[in-house]
C-alpha atoms as a PDB file:
ATOM      1  CA  MET A   1     -42.093 -13.050   1.574  1.00  0.00           C
ATOM      2  CA  VAL A   2     -38.614 -14.002   0.942  1.00  0.00           C
ATOM      3  CA  LYS A   3     -36.265 -13.417   4.572  1.00  0.00           C
ATOM      4  CA  LEU A   4     -33.021 -12.136   3.679  1.00  0.00           C
ATOM      5  CA  GLN A   5     -31.143 -14.502   5.864  1.00  0.00           C
ATOM      6  CA  GLU A   6     -32.435 -17.366   4.257  1.00  0.00           C
ATOM      7  CA  TYR A   7     -32.052 -16.114   1.246  1.00  0.00           C
ATOM      8  CA  PHE A   8     -28.209 -15.200   2.258  1.00  0.00           C
ATOM      9  CA  ARG A   9     -27.964 -18.578   4.521  1.00  0.00           C
ATOM     10  CA  HIS A  10     -27.114 -20.606   0.727  1.00  0.00           C
ATOM     11  CA  LYS A  11     -24.746 -17.972  -1.017  1.00  0.00           C
ATOM     12  CA  VAL A  12     -22.129 -17.211   2.030  1.00  0.00           C
ATOM     13  CA  SER A  13     -19.592 -20.182   2.540  1.00  0.00           C
ATOM     14  CA  GLN A  14     -18.745 -20.843   5.545  1.00  0.00           C
ATOM     15  CA  ALA A  15     -15.032 -19.437   5.681  1.00  0.00           C
ATOM     16  CA  GLY A  16     -17.468 -15.912   4.452  1.00  0.00           C
ATOM     17  CA  TYR A  17     -19.271 -16.711   8.213  1.00  0.00           C
ATOM     18  CA  ASP A  18     -16.017 -17.187  10.179  1.00  0.00           C
ATOM     19  CA  LEU A  19     -14.170 -13.935   8.328  1.00  0.00           C
ATOM     20  CA  LEU A  20     -17.605 -11.988   9.519  1.00  0.00           C
ATOM     21  CA  ALA A  21     -17.312 -13.036  12.922  1.00  0.00           C
ATOM     22  CA  VAL A  22     -13.420 -12.915  13.536  1.00  0.00           C
ATOM     23  CA  PHE A  23     -12.822 -10.068  11.925  1.00  0.00           C
ATOM     24  CA  SER A  24     -16.135  -8.416  13.686  1.00  0.00           C
ATOM     25  CA  ARG A  25     -14.276  -9.434  17.335  1.00  0.00           C
ATOM     26  CA  PHE A  26     -11.119  -8.214  15.495  1.00  0.00           C
ATOM     27  CA  GLU A  27     -12.032  -4.853  15.385  1.00  0.00           C
ATOM     28  CA  TYR A  28     -14.052  -4.566  18.255  1.00  0.00           C
ATOM     29  CA  ALA A  29     -11.295  -5.911  20.982  1.00  0.00           C
ATOM     30  CA  MET A  30      -8.560  -3.730  18.905  1.00  0.00           C
ATOM     31  CA  LYS A  31     -10.638  -0.318  19.540  1.00  0.00           C
ATOM     32  CA  LYS A  32     -11.843  -1.712  23.184  1.00  0.00           C
ATOM     33  CA  GLY A  33      -7.622  -3.190  23.803  1.00  0.00           C
ATOM     34  CA  GLY A  34      -6.458   0.568  23.243  1.00  0.00           C
ATOM     35  CA  TYR A  35      -5.661   0.433  18.951  1.00  0.00           C
ATOM     36  CA  ARG A  36      -8.466   3.152  18.023  1.00  0.00           C
ATOM     37  CA  ARG A  37      -8.160   6.100  15.654  1.00  0.00           C
ATOM     38  CA  GLN A  38      -7.801   9.406  17.357  1.00  0.00           C
ATOM     39  CA  ASN A  39     -10.700  11.427  17.478  1.00  0.00           C
ATOM     40  CA  SER A  40     -12.474   8.017  15.832  1.00  0.00           C
ATOM     41  CA  ALA A  41     -14.552   4.713  16.616  1.00  0.00           C
ATOM     42  CA  ASP A  42     -12.362   3.204  13.820  1.00  0.00           C
ATOM     43  CA  ALA A  43     -10.364   0.806  14.947  1.00  0.00           C
ATOM     44  CA  ALA A  44      -6.388   1.763  14.153  1.00  0.00           C
ATOM     45  CA  TRP A  45      -5.283  -1.283  12.106  1.00  0.00           C
ATOM     46  CA  ARG A  46      -1.826   0.067  11.075  1.00  0.00           C
ATOM     47  CA  ALA A  47      -0.856   0.845  14.955  1.00  0.00           C
ATOM     48  CA  PHE A  48      -1.613  -3.030  15.572  1.00  0.00           C
ATOM     49  CA  ALA A  49       0.457  -4.010  12.315  1.00  0.00           C
ATOM     50  CA  ALA A  50       3.525  -1.496  13.928  1.00  0.00           C
ATOM     51  CA  ASP A  51       3.256  -3.209  17.277  1.00  0.00           C
ATOM     52  CA  LEU A  52       3.418  -7.121  15.645  1.00  0.00           C
ATOM     53  CA  PRO A  53       6.781  -8.683  15.500  1.00  0.00           C
ATOM     54  CA  ALA A  54       9.021  -6.960  13.203  1.00  0.00           C
ATOM     55  CA  ASP A  55       9.220 -10.643  10.965  1.00  0.00           C
ATOM     56  CA  PHE A  56       5.417 -10.787  10.938  1.00  0.00           C
ATOM     57  CA  PHE A  57       5.461  -9.512   7.821  1.00  0.00           C
ATOM     58  CA  GLU A  58       7.891 -11.369   5.856  1.00  0.00           C
ATOM     59  CA  ARG A  59       6.850 -14.472   7.800  1.00  0.00           C
ATOM     60  CA  MET A  60       3.007 -13.906   6.153  1.00  0.00           C
ATOM     61  CA  LYS A  61       5.002 -13.180   2.688  1.00  0.00           C
ATOM     62  CA  ALA A  62       6.647 -16.271   3.119  1.00  0.00           C
ATOM     63  CA  ALA A  63       3.059 -18.413   3.980  1.00  0.00           C
ATOM     64  CA  PRO A  64       1.613 -20.159   1.176  1.00  0.00           C
ATOM     65  CA  GLU A  65      -1.329 -19.963   2.983  1.00  0.00           C
ATOM     66  CA  ALA A  66      -1.518 -15.962   2.281  1.00  0.00           C
ATOM     67  CA  ALA A  67      -0.024 -16.107  -1.260  1.00  0.00           C
ATOM     68  CA  ILE A  68      -3.407 -15.116  -2.846  1.00  0.00           C
ATOM     69  CA  TYR A  69      -2.666 -10.951  -0.806  1.00  0.00           C
ATOM     70  CA  PHE A  70       0.365 -10.614  -2.304  1.00  0.00           C
ATOM     71  CA  THR A  71       0.398 -12.781  -5.926  1.00  0.00           C
ATOM     72  CA  SER A  72      -3.587 -11.477  -6.560  1.00  0.00           C
ATOM     73  CA  PRO A  73      -4.440  -9.006  -3.999  1.00  0.00           C
ATOM     74  CA  PRO A  74      -8.258  -7.515  -4.621  1.00  0.00           C
ATOM     75  CA  ASP A  75      -9.125  -4.869  -6.233  1.00  0.00           C
ATOM     76  CA  HIS A  76     -11.241  -1.760  -4.661  1.00  0.00           C
ATOM     77  CA  LEU A  77     -14.187  -0.155  -5.627  1.00  0.00           C
ATOM     78  CA  VAL A  78     -13.992   3.677  -6.404  1.00  0.00           C
ATOM     79  CA  PRO A  79     -16.356   6.124  -7.719  1.00  0.00           C
ATOM     80  CA  ASP A  80     -17.405   6.535 -11.738  1.00  0.00           C
ATOM     81  CA  THR A  81     -18.739   9.213 -13.874  1.00  0.00           C
ATOM     82  CA  GLY A  82     -21.994   8.220 -13.696  1.00  0.00           C
ATOM     83  CA  GLY A  83     -22.546   8.593 -10.147  1.00  0.00           C
ATOM     84  CA  GLY A  84     -22.275   4.603  -8.928  1.00  0.00           C
ATOM     85  CA  VAL A  85     -19.226   2.326  -8.473  1.00  0.00           C
ATOM     86  CA  ARG A  86     -16.077   0.323 -10.160  1.00  0.00           C
ATOM     87  CA  TRP A  87     -13.643  -1.354  -9.807  1.00  0.00           C
ATOM     88  CA  SER A  88     -10.019   0.199  -9.741  1.00  0.00           C
ATOM     89  CA  GLY A  89      -7.955  -2.115 -11.839  1.00  0.00           C
ATOM     90  CA  LYS A  90      -5.075  -0.980 -10.006  1.00  0.00           C
ATOM     91  CA  PRO A  91      -4.816  -3.495  -6.774  1.00  0.00           C
ATOM     92  CA  ASP A  92      -2.670  -2.797  -4.040  1.00  0.00           C
ATOM     93  CA  THR A  93       0.094  -5.553  -3.366  1.00  0.00           C
ATOM     94  CA  PRO A  94       0.915  -5.080   0.173  1.00  0.00           C
ATOM     95  CA  ALA A  95       4.160  -3.737   0.985  1.00  0.00           C
ATOM     96  CA  ASP A  96       4.513  -3.908   5.048  1.00  0.00           C
ATOM     97  CA  ALA A  97       2.014  -5.294   7.886  1.00  0.00           C
ATOM     98  CA  GLY A  98      -0.175  -2.578   7.730  1.00  0.00           C
ATOM     99  CA  GLY A  99      -0.464  -2.930   3.777  1.00  0.00           C
ATOM    100  CA  LEU A 100      -1.438  -6.651   4.674  1.00  0.00           C
ATOM    101  CA  PHE A 101      -3.967  -5.588   6.669  1.00  0.00           C
ATOM    102  CA  ASP A 102      -5.539  -2.718   4.688  1.00  0.00           C
ATOM    103  CA  SER A 103      -5.663  -5.561   2.032  1.00  0.00           C
ATOM    104  CA  ILE A 104      -7.430  -7.659   4.132  1.00  0.00           C
ATOM    105  CA  LYS A 105     -10.066  -5.060   4.977  1.00  0.00           C
ATOM    106  CA  THR A 106     -10.619  -4.301   1.213  1.00  0.00           C
ATOM    107  CA  ALA A 107     -11.199  -8.052   0.577  1.00  0.00           C
ATOM    108  CA  ARG A 108     -13.950  -7.868   3.832  1.00  0.00           C
ATOM    109  CA  ASN A 109     -15.158  -5.324   2.300  1.00  0.00           C
ATOM    110  CA  ASN A 110     -15.589  -5.923  -0.910  1.00  0.00           C
ATOM    111  CA  LEU A 111     -17.265  -9.484   0.330  1.00  0.00           C
ATOM    112  CA  PHE A 112     -19.793  -7.379   2.350  1.00  0.00           C
ATOM    113  CA  HIS A 113     -20.131  -4.549   0.872  1.00  0.00           C
ATOM    114  CA  GLY A 114     -18.996  -4.476  -2.367  1.00  0.00           C
ATOM    115  CA  ASP A 115     -20.245  -6.401  -5.788  1.00  0.00           C
ATOM    116  CA  LYS A 116     -19.019  -9.989  -5.207  1.00  0.00           C
ATOM    117  CA  SER A 117     -20.132 -13.736  -5.062  1.00  0.00           C
ATOM    118  CA  HIS A 118     -20.025 -15.390  -1.795  1.00  0.00           C
ATOM    119  CA  SER A 119     -19.759 -18.696  -4.065  1.00  0.00           C
ATOM    120  CA  ASN A 120     -16.543 -17.272  -6.359  1.00  0.00           C
ATOM    121  CA  GLN A 121     -13.412 -19.816  -5.270  1.00  0.00           C
ATOM    122  CA  ARG A 122     -11.354 -16.935  -5.097  1.00  0.00           C
ATOM    123  CA  ASP A 123     -13.538 -14.885  -3.234  1.00  0.00           C
ATOM    124  CA  THR A 124     -13.809 -18.158  -0.362  1.00  0.00           C
ATOM    125  CA  ASP A 125      -9.689 -18.230  -1.330  1.00  0.00           C
ATOM    126  CA  LEU A 126      -9.562 -14.574   0.216  1.00  0.00           C
ATOM    127  CA  MET A 127     -11.366 -14.970   3.286  1.00  0.00           C
ATOM    128  CA  VAL A 128      -9.184 -18.520   4.024  1.00  0.00           C
ATOM    129  CA  ALA A 129      -5.952 -16.031   3.439  1.00  0.00           C
ATOM    130  CA  ALA A 130      -7.583 -13.318   6.034  1.00  0.00           C
ATOM    131  CA  LEU A 131      -8.316 -16.429   8.782  1.00  0.00           C
ATOM    132  CA  PHE A 132      -4.861 -17.400   8.251  1.00  0.00           C
ATOM    133  CA  VAL A 133      -3.516 -13.461   8.830  1.00  0.00           C
ATOM    134  CA  LEU A 134      -5.734 -12.497  11.528  1.00  0.00           C
ATOM    135  CA  ASN A 135      -4.998 -15.992  12.947  1.00  0.00           C
ATOM    136  CA  ALA A 136      -1.116 -15.395  13.136  1.00  0.00           C
ATOM    137  CA  ALA A 137      -1.596 -12.182  14.515  1.00  0.00           C
ATOM    138  CA  PHE A 138      -3.670 -13.127  17.494  1.00  0.00           C
ATOM    139  CA  ASP A 139      -0.820 -15.632  17.943  1.00  0.00           C
ATOM    140  CA  ALA A 140       1.872 -13.203  17.621  1.00  0.00           C
ATOM    141  CA  ALA A 141      -0.186 -10.745  19.663  1.00  0.00           C
ATOM    142  CA  GLU A 142      -0.579 -13.218  22.548  1.00  0.00           C
ATOM    143  CA  SER A 143       2.452 -13.137  23.621  1.00  0.00           C
ATOM    144  CA  ASP A 144       3.521  -9.318  23.708  1.00  0.00           C
ATOM    145  CA  ARG A 145       2.893  -7.579  26.584  1.00  0.00           C
ATOM    146  CA  ARG A 146       1.674  -4.541  24.861  1.00  0.00           C
ATOM    147  CA  PHE A 147      -1.540  -6.339  22.924  1.00  0.00           C
ATOM    148  CA  ASP A 148      -2.826  -7.770  26.766  1.00  0.00           C
ATOM    149  CA  ALA A 149      -5.709  -4.708  26.833  1.00  0.00           C
ATOM    150  CA  PHE A 150      -6.286  -6.725  23.547  1.00  0.00           C
ATOM    151  CA  ILE A 151      -6.016 -10.139  24.022  1.00  0.00           C
ATOM    152  CA  ALA A 152      -8.555  -9.706  26.837  1.00  0.00           C
ATOM    153  CA  GLU A 153     -10.841  -8.425  24.744  1.00  0.00           C
ATOM    154  CA  MET A 154     -10.390 -10.730  22.107  1.00  0.00           C
ATOM    155  CA  GLU A 155     -10.715 -13.622  24.404  1.00  0.00           C
ATOM    156  CA  TYR A 156     -13.733 -12.319  26.280  1.00  0.00           C
ATOM    157  CA  GLY A 157     -16.481 -14.600  26.447  1.00  0.00           C
ATOM    158  CA  LEU A 158     -14.915 -17.501  24.886  1.00  0.00           C
END
């Protein structure tokens, strides 16, 4: 009998494992740190994005490390008429920081819930770029008191 964790261990790149760990902790810290959607247990990515410095989005847009999200953003799954799902064919290019985080969530969802290959270079590039953006957001948040509770939750146990 194949153990699933052993099967997938060599199918997911290190960037994939890193994104899974960082993204999961990021969302946890957001929810515990005051960035939770009203009447929901979901993280409030757009509220988080709105509190980042005004130049955050422009810096990410200009950063070569994040370029894939602007030049070739991830597509998303939509229902098809046969009861399954298909790619929309209309990927959303981020127009603001909230849209950039939406795009990162889409890439993460595609990679961990969707029909994507973890050994594909494009998918790895999306994961690496997502990690760049999340690290930049964390760095920006560290110097802003509005993010103190988020930062405390991110750093808990580090």
